[in-house]
Amino acid sequence: MKQKGVKMSNRISNRQKKEEIIYSLVSFLPQKIVLSKLTEDKHQTSESFLATLLFADISGFTAISEKLARLGKEGAEEVNKIINNFFGPLINIVYQYQGDIYRFGGDAFLAFFPQKSTIASSEERAIIAANEILDFVKTHTKTKTKAGSFWIKIHIGLTKGKVYFEDLGNNFFLGGSSVNNLMSIIDLARPGEIIVSSEVKEELPNVIFEPKGEVFKYIRMKKKTQLEVKEKEPPWEVDKREIFTSCGIYS
């Protein structure tokens, strides 16, 4: 009887370890990739859809990393802690407004907000998310470390259009003219600014913008918009058991 209890305990422990590993891996993947592996669309490797794209370019982490790297292992651990504490809330903001993270690159990330939603248009969700991201960075702009104090800044760009998403098996791809346009206009934004393309501006009559060359700089909302959103959580949280079942952890 005691032997059976030990075996059962080991099985539970092994299952918990597998859950932690798989869930950690899932956390680095776009929701579209995760869900495509778990639903009837698992054999659909490509898709085109309308979306608003958000590119957030953050500056300051390179200087932090270079200074803390001189402290060795202790410095590396502090860099990881700072990045996790900083990027975690930003990612949760994207998830809260039914957006998805496509990819991280250095001190920046690209997110997309599909047009299909239960709470608001993709443009409205994206501009509100951009505002909350900007407010968070402004609130936490000064970062104190063992190597001194550093200032974090951010600028954000939004475009809209048809995007092409493809699962390449061991990688994934997001493309389209709106993606290319976003990459070409992001440098027009100064630190602390949100800029949008004309396509995004036209869909946001409740927002005041200021012309800035071929793009528009966000000024403020004409009236505060309150969206009914769920508690901030990764979009796959509700599908956690399904993820584990598909991986053979649950029968």
Protein backbone atom coordinates (compact mmCIF):
# COMPACT_ATOMS: atom_id res chain seq x y z
CA MET A 1 0.00 0.00 0.00
CA LYS A 2 2.88 2.32 0.93
CA GLN A 3 4.62 1.50 -2.37
CA LYS A 4 1.51 2.48 -4.34
CA GLY A 5 1.40 5.77 -2.48
CA VAL A 6 5.02 6.52 -3.37
CA LYS A 7 4.38 5.71 -7.06
CA MET A 8 1.31 7.95 -7.11
CA SER A 9 3.29 10.78 -5.49
CA ASN A 10 6.08 10.40 -8.06
CA ARG A 11 3.56 10.47 -10.94
CA ILE A 12 2.02 13.69 -9.61
CA SER A 13 5.47 15.24 -9.13
CA ASN A 14 6.55 14.30 -12.68
CA ARG A 15 3.30 15.66 -14.09
CA GLN A 16 3.77 18.96 -12.26
CA LYS A 17 7.30 19.26 -13.66
CA LYS A 18 6.01 18.62 -17.19
CA GLU A 19 3.27 21.21 -16.66
CA GLU A 20 5.80 23.82 -15.57
CA ILE A 21 8.09 23.14 -18.56
CA ILE A 22 5.30 23.17 -21.15
CA TYR A 23 3.58 26.21 -19.67
CA SER A 24 6.88 28.11 -19.64
CA LEU A 25 7.43 27.29 -23.32
CA VAL A 26 3.85 28.24 -24.22
CA SER A 27 4.36 31.62 -22.56
CA PHE A 28 6.88 32.56 -25.25
CA LEU A 29 4.60 31.73 -28.20
CA PRO A 30 1.90 33.81 -29.91
CA GLN A 31 -1.62 32.76 -28.91
CA LYS A 32 -2.42 31.97 -32.55
CA ILE A 33 0.35 29.35 -32.62
CA VAL A 34 -0.74 27.79 -29.33
CA LEU A 35 -4.43 27.57 -30.18
CA SER A 36 -3.79 26.30 -33.72
CA LYS A 37 -2.05 23.29 -32.19
CA LEU A 38 -5.04 22.51 -29.97
CA THR A 39 -8.08 23.02 -32.20
CA GLU A 40 -9.44 21.79 -35.49
CA ASP A 41 -7.24 24.41 -37.16
CA LYS A 42 -4.07 22.54 -36.15
CA HIS A 43 -3.45 21.61 -39.80
CA GLN A 44 -3.94 25.21 -41.00
CA THR A 45 -0.44 26.64 -41.26
CA SER A 46 -1.25 30.08 -42.68
CA GLU A 47 -3.93 32.73 -42.28
CA SER A 48 -4.71 36.29 -43.41
CA PHE A 49 -6.70 38.65 -41.21
CA LEU A 50 -7.26 42.34 -40.45
CA ALA A 51 -5.41 43.70 -37.43
CA THR A 52 -3.95 46.78 -35.80
CA LEU A 53 -0.22 46.42 -35.15
CA LEU A 54 1.63 47.92 -32.19
CA PHE A 55 5.40 48.32 -32.08
CA ALA A 56 6.90 49.40 -28.75
CA ASP A 57 10.55 50.48 -28.86
CA ILE A 58 12.09 50.77 -25.40
CA SER A 59 15.46 52.39 -24.74
CA GLY A 60 17.66 52.18 -21.67
CA PHE A 61 18.05 48.45 -21.12
CA THR A 62 21.27 48.24 -23.14
CA ALA A 63 23.00 50.66 -20.80
CA ILE A 64 21.68 48.77 -17.77
CA SER A 65 22.86 45.43 -19.16
CA GLU A 66 26.34 46.72 -20.01
CA LYS A 67 26.89 48.22 -16.54
CA LEU A 68 25.45 45.27 -14.61
CA ALA A 69 27.38 42.76 -16.74
CA ARG A 70 30.54 44.02 -15.02
CA LEU A 71 29.18 42.64 -11.75
CA GLY A 72 29.23 39.07 -13.09
CA LYS A 73 26.56 36.56 -12.10
CA GLU A 74 25.01 38.92 -9.56
CA GLY A 75 24.62 41.58 -12.23
CA ALA A 76 23.14 39.14 -14.75
CA GLU A 77 20.54 38.02 -12.21
CA GLU A 78 19.57 41.63 -11.53
CA VAL A 79 19.20 42.33 -15.27
CA ASN A 80 16.84 39.35 -15.64
CA LYS A 81 14.81 40.49 -12.66
CA ILE A 82 14.50 44.05 -13.98
CA ILE A 83 13.49 42.90 -17.47
CA ASN A 84 10.90 40.46 -16.12
CA ASN A 85 9.42 43.04 -13.75
CA PHE A 86 9.30 45.61 -16.53
CA PHE A 87 8.14 43.61 -19.54
CA GLY A 88 5.67 41.43 -17.62
CA PRO A 89 3.14 44.23 -16.97
CA LEU A 90 3.49 45.52 -20.56
CA ILE A 91 2.72 42.09 -21.98
CA ASN A 92 -0.27 41.73 -19.66
CA ILE A 93 -1.66 45.03 -20.96
CA VAL A 94 -1.56 43.64 -24.52
CA TYR A 95 -3.32 40.44 -23.40
CA GLN A 96 -5.92 42.39 -21.45
CA TYR A 97 -7.11 44.11 -24.62
CA GLN A 98 -7.24 40.86 -26.61
CA GLY A 99 -3.93 41.49 -28.33
CA ASP A 100 -1.12 39.03 -28.92
CA ILE A 101 2.66 39.31 -28.82
CA TYR A 102 4.29 38.37 -32.11
CA ARG A 103 7.97 38.74 -31.34
CA PHE A 104 10.57 40.38 -29.11
CA GLY A 105 13.64 41.97 -30.63
CA GLY A 106 16.25 43.53 -28.36
CA ASP A 107 14.47 46.19 -26.30
CA ALA A 108 11.34 46.17 -28.47
CA PHE A 109 8.30 44.02 -29.19
CA LEU A 110 5.67 43.74 -31.90
CA ALA A 111 2.06 42.99 -30.95
CA PHE A 112 -1.09 42.63 -33.01
CA PHE A 113 -4.77 43.17 -32.21
CA PRO A 114 -7.01 41.15 -34.55
CA GLN A 115 -10.11 42.96 -35.76
CA LYS A 116 -12.32 40.19 -34.42
CA SER A 117 -13.11 40.97 -30.78
CA THR A 118 -15.86 40.87 -28.19
CA ILE A 119 -15.08 44.23 -26.56
CA ALA A 120 -14.10 46.87 -29.17
CA SER A 121 -12.44 47.51 -32.53
CA SER A 122 -8.78 46.62 -32.97
CA GLU A 123 -7.84 50.31 -33.31
CA GLU A 124 -9.57 51.27 -30.07
CA ARG A 125 -8.06 48.37 -28.12
CA ALA A 126 -4.59 49.10 -29.52
CA ILE A 127 -4.63 52.84 -28.72
CA ILE A 128 -5.84 52.20 -25.17
CA ALA A 129 -3.17 49.51 -24.69
CA ALA A 130 -0.53 51.88 -26.09
CA ASN A 131 -1.61 54.55 -23.60
CA GLU A 132 -1.42 52.18 -20.65
CA ILE A 133 2.00 50.93 -21.77
CA LEU A 134 3.24 54.52 -22.07
CA ASP A 135 1.84 55.42 -18.63
CA PHE A 136 3.53 52.39 -17.04
CA VAL A 137 6.91 53.29 -18.52
CA LYS A 138 6.57 56.94 -17.46
CA THR A 139 5.73 55.83 -13.91
CA HIS A 140 8.74 53.49 -13.81
CA THR A 141 11.10 55.55 -15.95
CA LYS A 142 13.80 55.72 -13.25
CA THR A 143 15.27 52.31 -12.47
CA LYS A 144 17.63 51.94 -9.52
CA THR A 145 20.25 49.19 -9.71
CA LYS A 146 23.44 48.15 -7.93
CA ALA A 147 25.32 49.90 -10.75
CA GLY A 148 23.43 53.17 -10.35
CA SER A 149 20.20 54.71 -11.62
CA PHE A 150 19.04 54.50 -15.24
CA TRP A 151 16.19 56.06 -17.19
CA ILE A 152 13.90 53.95 -19.37
CA LYS A 153 12.07 55.57 -22.30
CA ILE A 154 9.62 54.30 -24.90
CA HIS A 155 8.01 55.32 -28.17
CA ILE A 156 5.15 53.47 -29.84
CA GLY A 157 3.77 53.18 -33.37
CA LEU A 158 0.44 51.83 -34.65
CA THR A 159 -0.62 50.77 -38.15
CA LYS A 160 -3.57 48.83 -39.50
CA GLY A 161 -4.20 46.48 -42.39
CA LYS A 162 -4.34 42.94 -43.63
CA VAL A 163 -1.57 40.77 -42.20
CA TYR A 164 -0.32 37.34 -43.17
CA PHE A 165 0.48 34.89 -40.39
CA GLU A 166 2.20 31.57 -41.03
CA ASP A 167 3.31 28.71 -38.80
CA LEU A 168 6.64 27.52 -40.20
CA GLY A 169 6.92 24.55 -37.87
CA ASN A 170 9.96 25.59 -35.87
CA ASN A 171 9.29 29.32 -36.37
CA PHE A 172 6.47 31.68 -37.30
CA PHE A 173 6.06 34.64 -39.64
CA LEU A 174 3.94 37.80 -39.65
CA GLY A 175 4.01 39.98 -42.74
CA GLY A 176 2.13 42.42 -44.94
CA SER A 177 2.30 46.04 -46.04
CA SER A 178 1.05 47.24 -42.64
CA VAL A 179 4.01 45.52 -40.95
CA ASN A 180 6.46 47.12 -43.38
CA ASN A 181 4.76 50.49 -42.92
CA LEU A 182 5.03 50.23 -39.14
CA MET A 183 8.76 49.55 -39.32
CA SER A 184 9.24 52.57 -41.58
CA ILE A 185 7.35 55.07 -39.38
CA ILE A 186 8.36 54.01 -35.85
CA ASP A 187 11.49 56.20 -35.85
CA LEU A 188 9.29 59.26 -36.46
CA ALA A 189 8.12 58.97 -32.86
CA ARG A 190 10.17 60.65 -30.17
CA PRO A 191 10.52 59.17 -26.66
CA GLY A 192 7.19 59.40 -24.85
CA GLU A 193 5.16 59.62 -28.07
CA ILE A 194 2.57 57.42 -29.76
CA ILE A 195 2.24 57.82 -33.52
CA VAL A 196 -0.35 56.22 -35.79
CA SER A 197 -0.90 55.80 -39.51
CA SER A 198 -3.76 57.56 -41.29
CA GLU A 199 -5.68 54.25 -41.45
CA VAL A 200 -5.67 54.01 -37.65
CA LYS A 201 -6.52 57.70 -37.15
CA GLU A 202 -9.59 57.48 -39.40
CA GLU A 203 -11.10 54.78 -37.18
CA LEU A 204 -10.64 56.75 -33.94
CA PRO A 205 -12.99 59.78 -34.01
CA ASN A 206 -12.91 59.92 -30.19
CA VAL A 207 -9.16 60.64 -30.18
CA ILE A 208 -7.34 63.92 -30.81
CA PHE A 209 -4.24 63.66 -33.00
CA GLU A 210 -1.72 66.16 -34.28
CA PRO A 211 -0.26 65.85 -37.81
CA LYS A 212 3.41 64.87 -37.84
CA GLY A 213 4.58 64.56 -41.42
CA GLU A 214 2.87 61.56 -42.98
CA VAL A 215 1.71 60.21 -39.60
CA PHE A 216 -0.23 61.50 -36.62
CA LYS A 217 0.85 61.99 -33.01
CA TYR A 218 -1.55 60.96 -30.27
CA ILE A 219 -2.59 63.87 -28.03
CA ARG A 220 -5.48 62.65 -25.87
CA MET A 221 -8.90 61.05 -25.78
CA LYS A 222 -11.89 63.39 -26.24
CA LYS A 223 -13.59 61.39 -23.52
CA LYS A 224 -12.34 58.51 -21.45
CA THR A 225 -13.28 55.13 -22.89
CA GLN A 226 -14.00 52.32 -20.46
CA LEU A 227 -13.86 48.85 -21.99
CA GLU A 228 -15.18 45.76 -20.28
CA VAL A 229 -12.08 43.62 -20.11
CA LYS A 230 -11.17 40.47 -18.25
CA GLU A 231 -8.65 40.29 -15.46
CA LYS A 232 -5.15 40.53 -16.84
CA GLU A 233 -3.95 37.03 -17.68
CA PRO A 234 -2.21 35.23 -20.55
CA PRO A 235 -4.77 34.46 -23.28
CA TRP A 236 -4.08 30.74 -23.01
CA GLU A 237 -4.78 30.59 -19.25
CA VAL A 238 -8.31 29.25 -19.79
CA ASP A 239 -6.92 26.58 -22.11
CA LYS A 240 -4.17 25.38 -19.77
CA ARG A 241 -5.71 21.95 -19.14
CA GLU A 242 -6.34 21.50 -22.87
CA ILE A 243 -2.68 22.30 -23.53
CA PHE A 244 -1.53 19.69 -21.05
CA THR A 245 -4.03 17.11 -22.37
CA SER A 246 -2.76 17.58 -25.93
CA CYS A 247 0.79 17.00 -24.68
CA GLY A 248 -0.20 13.70 -23.07
CA ILE A 249 -0.02 14.86 -19.46
CA TYR A 250 -3.72 14.27 -18.85
CA SER A 251 -5.59 11.35 -20.32
